[in-house]
Amino acid sequence: MCQHQPTCPSADSSDREAAHLVATYPEQGWSLLCNGVLCFEDTGELLPDGQIIAPHRSLGADHVVTAA
């Protein structure tokens, strides 16, 4: 799919999110990358083969909650 030089990472590589944006729909919460990956605003992904990647947001220190 990718026509960029150098070629963007493939959908099955660990750095797949580094591919160029083809379309973005922030009002719907998703973007399409040139490698066919759909990226969702919650950091989840849908790969071209139908595989689902669960959201993988990292929590910063200011988001950590301690039980009382």
PDB file of N, CA and C in Angstrom:
ATOM      1  N   MET A   1       0.805  -1.204   0.000  1.00  0.00           N
ATOM      2  CA  MET A   1       0.000   0.000   0.000  1.00  0.00           C
ATOM      3  C   MET A   1       0.849   1.269   0.000  1.00  0.00           C
ATOM      4  N   CYS A   2       1.902   1.277   0.772  1.00  0.00           N
ATOM      5  CA  CYS A   2       2.691   2.492   0.966  1.00  0.00           C
ATOM      6  C   CYS A   2       3.513   2.839  -0.267  1.00  0.00           C
ATOM      7  N   GLN A   3       3.432   4.095  -0.693  1.00  0.00           N
ATOM      8  CA  GLN A   3       4.205   4.602  -1.824  1.00  0.00           C
ATOM      9  C   GLN A   3       5.336   5.530  -1.362  1.00  0.00           C
ATOM     10  N   HIS A   4       5.515   5.686  -0.037  1.00  0.00           N
ATOM     11  CA  HIS A   4       6.518   6.609   0.500  1.00  0.00           C
ATOM     12  C   HIS A   4       7.919   6.034   0.364  1.00  0.00           C
ATOM     13  N   GLN A   5       8.897   6.946   0.279  1.00  0.00           N
ATOM     14  CA  GLN A   5      10.306   6.557   0.257  1.00  0.00           C
ATOM     15  C   GLN A   5      11.003   7.272   1.389  1.00  0.00           C
ATOM     16  N   PRO A   6      11.614   6.619   2.327  1.00  0.00           N
ATOM     17  CA  PRO A   6      11.623   5.168   2.491  1.00  0.00           C
ATOM     18  C   PRO A   6      10.228   4.661   2.861  1.00  0.00           C
ATOM     19  N   THR A   7      10.002   3.393   2.618  1.00  0.00           N
ATOM     20  CA  THR A   7       8.710   2.777   2.859  1.00  0.00           C
ATOM     21  C   THR A   7       8.354   2.831   4.338  1.00  0.00           C
ATOM     22  N   CYS A   8       7.110   3.092   4.624  1.00  0.00           N
ATOM     23  CA  CYS A   8       6.619   3.129   6.008  1.00  0.00           C
ATOM     24  C   CYS A   8       6.619   1.726   6.605  1.00  0.00           C
ATOM     25  N   PRO A   9       6.619   1.624   7.930  1.00  0.00           N
ATOM     26  CA  PRO A   9       6.579   0.316   8.580  1.00  0.00           C
ATOM     27  C   PRO A   9       5.311  -0.449   8.182  1.00  0.00           C
ATOM     28  N   SER A  10       5.433  -1.747   8.065  1.00  0.00           N
ATOM     29  CA  SER A  10       4.286  -2.580   7.711  1.00  0.00           C
ATOM     30  C   SER A  10       3.327  -2.691   8.892  1.00  0.00           C
ATOM     31  N   ALA A  11       2.139  -3.183   8.616  1.00  0.00           N
ATOM     32  CA  ALA A  11       1.112  -3.309   9.654  1.00  0.00           C
ATOM     33  C   ALA A  11       1.491  -4.318  10.727  1.00  0.00           C
ATOM     34  N   ASP A  12       2.375  -5.256  10.418  1.00  0.00           N
ATOM     35  CA  ASP A  12       2.745  -6.261  11.419  1.00  0.00           C
ATOM     36  C   ASP A  12       4.052  -5.938  12.148  1.00  0.00           C
ATOM     37  N   SER A  13       4.633  -4.777  11.885  1.00  0.00           N
ATOM     38  CA  SER A  13       5.860  -4.394  12.593  1.00  0.00           C
ATOM     39  C   SER A  13       5.511  -3.681  13.903  1.00  0.00           C
ATOM     40  N   SER A  14       6.446  -3.670  14.821  1.00  0.00           N
ATOM     41  CA  SER A  14       6.193  -3.068  16.137  1.00  0.00           C
ATOM     42  C   SER A  14       6.050  -1.553  16.077  1.00  0.00           C
ATOM     43  N   ASP A  15       6.612  -0.920  15.054  1.00  0.00           N
ATOM     44  CA  ASP A  15       6.522   0.537  14.918  1.00  0.00           C
ATOM     45  C   ASP A  15       5.495   0.955  13.869  1.00  0.00           C
ATOM     46  N   ARG A  16       4.446   0.156  13.683  1.00  0.00           N
ATOM     47  CA  ARG A  16       3.422   0.395  12.654  1.00  0.00           C
ATOM     48  C   ARG A  16       2.763   1.765  12.761  1.00  0.00           C
ATOM     49  N   GLU A  17       2.718   2.347  13.962  1.00  0.00           N
ATOM     50  CA  GLU A  17       2.081   3.650  14.164  1.00  0.00           C
ATOM     51  C   GLU A  17       2.876   4.800  13.560  1.00  0.00           C
ATOM     52  N   ALA A  18       4.108   4.525  13.097  1.00  0.00           N
ATOM     53  CA  ALA A  18       4.945   5.563  12.496  1.00  0.00           C
ATOM     54  C   ALA A  18       4.620   5.791  11.016  1.00  0.00           C
ATOM     55  N   ALA A  19       3.706   5.016  10.453  1.00  0.00           N
ATOM     56  CA  ALA A  19       3.319   5.181   9.054  1.00  0.00           C
ATOM     57  C   ALA A  19       2.591   6.512   8.858  1.00  0.00           C
ATOM     58  N   HIS A  20       2.581   7.006   7.631  1.00  0.00           N
ATOM     59  CA  HIS A  20       1.923   8.273   7.308  1.00  0.00           C
ATOM     60  C   HIS A  20       0.401   8.159   7.384  1.00  0.00           C
ATOM     61  N   LEU A  21      -0.227   9.252   7.770  1.00  0.00           N
ATOM     62  CA  LEU A  21      -1.689   9.327   7.787  1.00  0.00           C
ATOM     63  C   LEU A  21      -2.230   9.429   6.361  1.00  0.00           C
ATOM     64  N   VAL A  22      -3.271   8.667   6.083  1.00  0.00           N
ATOM     65  CA  VAL A  22      -3.947   8.746   4.798  1.00  0.00           C
ATOM     66  C   VAL A  22      -5.254   9.512   4.963  1.00  0.00           C
ATOM     67  N   ALA A  23      -5.939   9.241   6.048  1.00  0.00           N
ATOM     68  CA  ALA A  23      -7.216   9.910   6.350  1.00  0.00           C
ATOM     69  C   ALA A  23      -7.364  10.001   7.852  1.00  0.00           C
ATOM     70  N   THR A  24      -7.982  11.084   8.299  1.00  0.00           N
ATOM     71  CA  THR A  24      -8.228  11.250   9.726  1.00  0.00           C
ATOM     72  C   THR A  24      -9.633  11.784   9.936  1.00  0.00           C
ATOM     73  N   TYR A  25     -10.319  11.211  10.885  1.00  0.00           N
ATOM     74  CA  TYR A  25     -11.687  11.598  11.228  1.00  0.00           C
ATOM     75  C   TYR A  25     -11.777  11.786  12.742  1.00  0.00           C
ATOM     76  N   PRO A  26     -11.230  12.893  13.258  1.00  0.00           N
ATOM     77  CA  PRO A  26     -11.209  13.105  14.705  1.00  0.00           C
ATOM     78  C   PRO A  26     -12.607  13.147  15.322  1.00  0.00           C
ATOM     79  N   GLU A  27     -13.595  13.613  14.542  1.00  0.00           N
ATOM     80  CA  GLU A  27     -14.953  13.652  15.072  1.00  0.00           C
ATOM     81  C   GLU A  27     -15.520  12.238  15.284  1.00  0.00           C
ATOM     82  N   GLN A  28     -14.952  11.255  14.572  1.00  0.00           N
ATOM     83  CA  GLN A  28     -15.363   9.861  14.745  1.00  0.00           C
ATOM     84  C   GLN A  28     -14.359   9.075  15.583  1.00  0.00           C
ATOM     85  N   GLY A  29     -13.209   9.665  15.851  1.00  0.00           N
ATOM     86  CA  GLY A  29     -12.232   9.052  16.741  1.00  0.00           C
ATOM     87  C   GLY A  29     -11.295   8.040  16.100  1.00  0.00           C
ATOM     88  N   TRP A  30     -11.046   8.154  14.782  1.00  0.00           N
ATOM     89  CA  TRP A  30     -10.125   7.218  14.155  1.00  0.00           C
ATOM     90  C   TRP A  30      -9.353   7.853  13.010  1.00  0.00           C
ATOM     91  N   SER A  31      -8.239   7.208  12.677  1.00  0.00           N
ATOM     92  CA  SER A  31      -7.387   7.629  11.561  1.00  0.00           C
ATOM     93  C   SER A  31      -6.906   6.384  10.825  1.00  0.00           C
ATOM     94  N   LEU A  32      -6.664   6.527   9.517  1.00  0.00           N
ATOM     95  CA  LEU A  32      -6.154   5.439   8.691  1.00  0.00           C
ATOM     96  C   LEU A  32      -4.720   5.746   8.313  1.00  0.00           C
ATOM     97  N   LEU A  33      -3.831   4.783   8.498  1.00  0.00           N
ATOM     98  CA  LEU A  33      -2.430   4.927   8.123  1.00  0.00           C
ATOM     99  C   LEU A  33      -2.199   4.267   6.762  1.00  0.00           C
ATOM    100  N   CYS A  34      -1.121   4.644   6.088  1.00  0.00           N
ATOM    101  CA  CYS A  34      -0.869   4.125   4.740  1.00  0.00           C
ATOM    102  C   CYS A  34      -0.568   2.630   4.723  1.00  0.00           C
ATOM    103  N   ASN A  35      -0.278   2.038   5.873  1.00  0.00           N
ATOM    104  CA  ASN A  35      -0.054   0.595   5.929  1.00  0.00           C
ATOM    105  C   ASN A  35      -1.354  -0.175   6.187  1.00  0.00           C
ATOM    106  N   GLY A  36      -2.490   0.533   6.183  1.00  0.00           N
ATOM    107  CA  GLY A  36      -3.786  -0.115   6.342  1.00  0.00           C
ATOM    108  C   GLY A  36      -4.268  -0.233   7.769  1.00  0.00           C
ATOM    109  N   VAL A  37      -3.535   0.285   8.722  1.00  0.00           N
ATOM    110  CA  VAL A  37      -3.901   0.206  10.134  1.00  0.00           C
ATOM    111  C   VAL A  37      -4.889   1.321  10.470  1.00  0.00           C
ATOM    112  N   LEU A  38      -5.972   0.956  11.149  1.00  0.00           N
ATOM    113  CA  LEU A  38      -6.898   1.947  11.701  1.00  0.00           C
ATOM    114  C   LEU A  38      -6.478   2.207  13.140  1.00  0.00           C
ATOM    115  N   CYS A  39      -6.205   3.455  13.457  1.00  0.00           N
ATOM    116  CA  CYS A  39      -5.822   3.847  14.813  1.00  0.00           C
ATOM    117  C   CYS A  39      -6.989   4.607  15.437  1.00  0.00           C
ATOM    118  N   PHE A  40      -7.358   4.207  16.635  1.00  0.00           N
ATOM    119  CA  PHE A  40      -8.468   4.838  17.333  1.00  0.00           C
ATOM    120  C   PHE A  40      -7.949   5.767  18.418  1.00  0.00           C
ATOM    121  N   GLU A  41      -8.760   6.760  18.788  1.00  0.00           N
ATOM    122  CA  GLU A  41      -8.310   7.771  19.752  1.00  0.00           C
ATOM    123  C   GLU A  41      -8.000   7.186  21.119  1.00  0.00           C
ATOM    124  N   ASP A  42      -8.544   6.016  21.446  1.00  0.00           N
ATOM    125  CA  ASP A  42      -8.226   5.390  22.734  1.00  0.00           C
ATOM    126  C   ASP A  42      -6.932   4.582  22.667  1.00  0.00           C
ATOM    127  N   THR A  43      -6.183   4.685  21.573  1.00  0.00           N
ATOM    128  CA  THR A  43      -4.914   4.024  21.250  1.00  0.00           C
ATOM    129  C   THR A  43      -5.090   2.564  20.853  1.00  0.00           C
ATOM    130  N   GLY A  44      -6.311   2.103  20.685  1.00  0.00           N
ATOM    131  CA  GLY A  44      -6.537   0.779  20.126  1.00  0.00           C
ATOM    132  C   GLY A  44      -6.295   0.825  18.625  1.00  0.00           C
ATOM    133  N   GLU A  45      -6.104  -0.347  18.031  1.00  0.00           N
ATOM    134  CA  GLU A  45      -5.837  -0.421  16.597  1.00  0.00           C
ATOM    135  C   GLU A  45      -6.561  -1.617  15.987  1.00  0.00           C
ATOM    136  N   LEU A  46      -6.866  -1.496  14.710  1.00  0.00           N
ATOM    137  CA  LEU A  46      -7.419  -2.591  13.928  1.00  0.00           C
ATOM    138  C   LEU A  46      -6.486  -2.781  12.743  1.00  0.00           C
ATOM    139  N   LEU A  47      -5.887  -3.971  12.653  1.00  0.00           N
ATOM    140  CA  LEU A  47      -4.938  -4.258  11.586  1.00  0.00           C
ATOM    141  C   LEU A  47      -5.677  -4.729  10.337  1.00  0.00           C
ATOM    142  N   PRO A  48      -5.046  -4.626   9.170  1.00  0.00           N
ATOM    143  CA  PRO A  48      -5.706  -5.009   7.923  1.00  0.00           C
ATOM    144  C   PRO A  48      -6.194  -6.460   7.899  1.00  0.00           C
ATOM    145  N   ASP A  49      -5.544  -7.346   8.651  1.00  0.00           N
ATOM    146  CA  ASP A  49      -5.960  -8.749   8.672  1.00  0.00           C
ATOM    147  C   ASP A  49      -7.098  -9.018   9.660  1.00  0.00           C
ATOM    148  N   GLY A  50      -7.604  -7.959  10.301  1.00  0.00           N
ATOM    149  CA  GLY A  50      -8.711  -8.088  11.249  1.00  0.00           C
ATOM    150  C   GLY A  50      -8.272  -8.240  12.693  1.00  0.00           C
ATOM    151  N   GLN A  51      -6.986  -8.341  12.933  1.00  0.00           N
ATOM    152  CA  GLN A  51      -6.473  -8.468  14.300  1.00  0.00           C
ATOM    153  C   GLN A  51      -6.721  -7.177  15.064  1.00  0.00           C
ATOM    154  N   ILE A  52      -7.128  -7.318  16.313  1.00  0.00           N
ATOM    155  CA  ILE A  52      -7.397  -6.167  17.174  1.00  0.00           C
ATOM    156  C   ILE A  52      -6.243  -5.983  18.147  1.00  0.00           C
ATOM    157  N   ILE A  53      -5.757  -4.763  18.244  1.00  0.00           N
ATOM    158  CA  ILE A  53      -4.732  -4.407  19.226  1.00  0.00           C
ATOM    159  C   ILE A  53      -5.434  -3.576  20.295  1.00  0.00           C
ATOM    160  N   ALA A  54      -5.419  -4.075  21.526  1.00  0.00           N
ATOM    161  CA  ALA A  54      -6.098  -3.391  22.627  1.00  0.00           C
ATOM    162  C   ALA A  54      -5.463  -2.028  22.893  1.00  0.00           C
ATOM    163  N   PRO A  55      -6.237  -1.088  23.416  1.00  0.00           N
ATOM    164  CA  PRO A  55      -5.677   0.220  23.776  1.00  0.00           C
ATOM    165  C   PRO A  55      -4.444   0.049  24.656  1.00  0.00           C
ATOM    166  N   HIS A  56      -3.447   0.881  24.416  1.00  0.00           N
ATOM    167  CA  HIS A  56      -2.186   0.757  25.143  1.00  0.00           C
ATOM    168  C   HIS A  56      -1.667   2.102  25.620  1.00  0.00           C
ATOM    169  N   ARG A  57      -2.576   2.895  26.147  1.00  0.00           N
ATOM    170  CA  ARG A  57      -2.163   4.181  26.719  1.00  0.00           C
ATOM    171  C   ARG A  57      -1.309   3.934  27.944  1.00  0.00           C
ATOM    172  N   SER A  58      -0.276   4.718  28.078  1.00  0.00           N
ATOM    173  CA  SER A  58       0.511   4.636  29.304  1.00  0.00           C
ATOM    174  C   SER A  58       0.011   5.730  30.241  1.00  0.00           C
ATOM    175  N   LEU A  59      -0.081   5.378  31.496  1.00  0.00           N
ATOM    176  CA  LEU A  59      -0.520   6.357  32.496  1.00  0.00           C
ATOM    177  C   LEU A  59       0.689   7.089  33.040  1.00  0.00           C
ATOM    178  N   GLY A  60       0.630   8.394  33.004  1.00  0.00           N
ATOM    179  CA  GLY A  60       1.697   9.201  33.575  1.00  0.00           C
ATOM    180  C   GLY A  60       1.583   9.208  35.099  1.00  0.00           C
ATOM    181  N   ALA A  61       2.599   9.694  35.746  1.00  0.00           N
ATOM    182  CA  ALA A  61       2.617   9.726  37.217  1.00  0.00           C
ATOM    183  C   ALA A  61       1.471  10.542  37.771  1.00  0.00           C
ATOM    184  N   ASP A  62       0.990  11.557  37.014  1.00  0.00           N
ATOM    185  CA  ASP A  62      -0.091  12.391  37.504  1.00  0.00           C
ATOM    186  C   ASP A  62      -1.452  11.692  37.360  1.00  0.00           C
ATOM    187  N   HIS A  63      -1.509  10.511  36.728  1.00  0.00           N
ATOM    188  CA  HIS A  63      -2.748   9.776  36.550  1.00  0.00           C
ATOM    189  C   HIS A  63      -2.842   8.554  37.463  1.00  0.00           C
ATOM    190  N   VAL A  64      -1.826   8.295  38.244  1.00  0.00           N
ATOM    191  CA  VAL A  64      -1.814   7.129  39.120  1.00  0.00           C
ATOM    192  C   VAL A  64      -2.684   7.432  40.334  1.00  0.00           C
ATOM    193  N   VAL A  65      -3.565   6.481  40.645  1.00  0.00           N
ATOM    194  CA  VAL A  65      -4.456   6.634  41.795  1.00  0.00           C
ATOM    195  C   VAL A  65      -4.026   5.666  42.880  1.00  0.00           C
ATOM    196  N   THR A  66      -3.937   6.161  44.113  1.00  0.00           N
ATOM    197  CA  THR A  66      -3.557   5.337  45.245  1.00  0.00           C
ATOM    198  C   THR A  66      -4.788   5.059  46.095  1.00  0.00           C
ATOM    199  N   ALA A  67      -4.956   3.805  46.468  1.00  0.00           N
ATOM    200  CA  ALA A  67      -6.083   3.428  47.321  1.00  0.00           C
ATOM    201  C   ALA A  67      -5.892   4.011  48.715  1.00  0.00           C
ATOM    202  N   ALA A  68      -6.992   4.444  49.299  1.00  0.00           N
ATOM    203  CA  ALA A  68      -6.922   5.063  50.623  1.00  0.00           C
ATOM    204  C   ALA A  68      -6.942   4.021  51.710  1.00  0.00           C
TER     205      ALA A  68
END
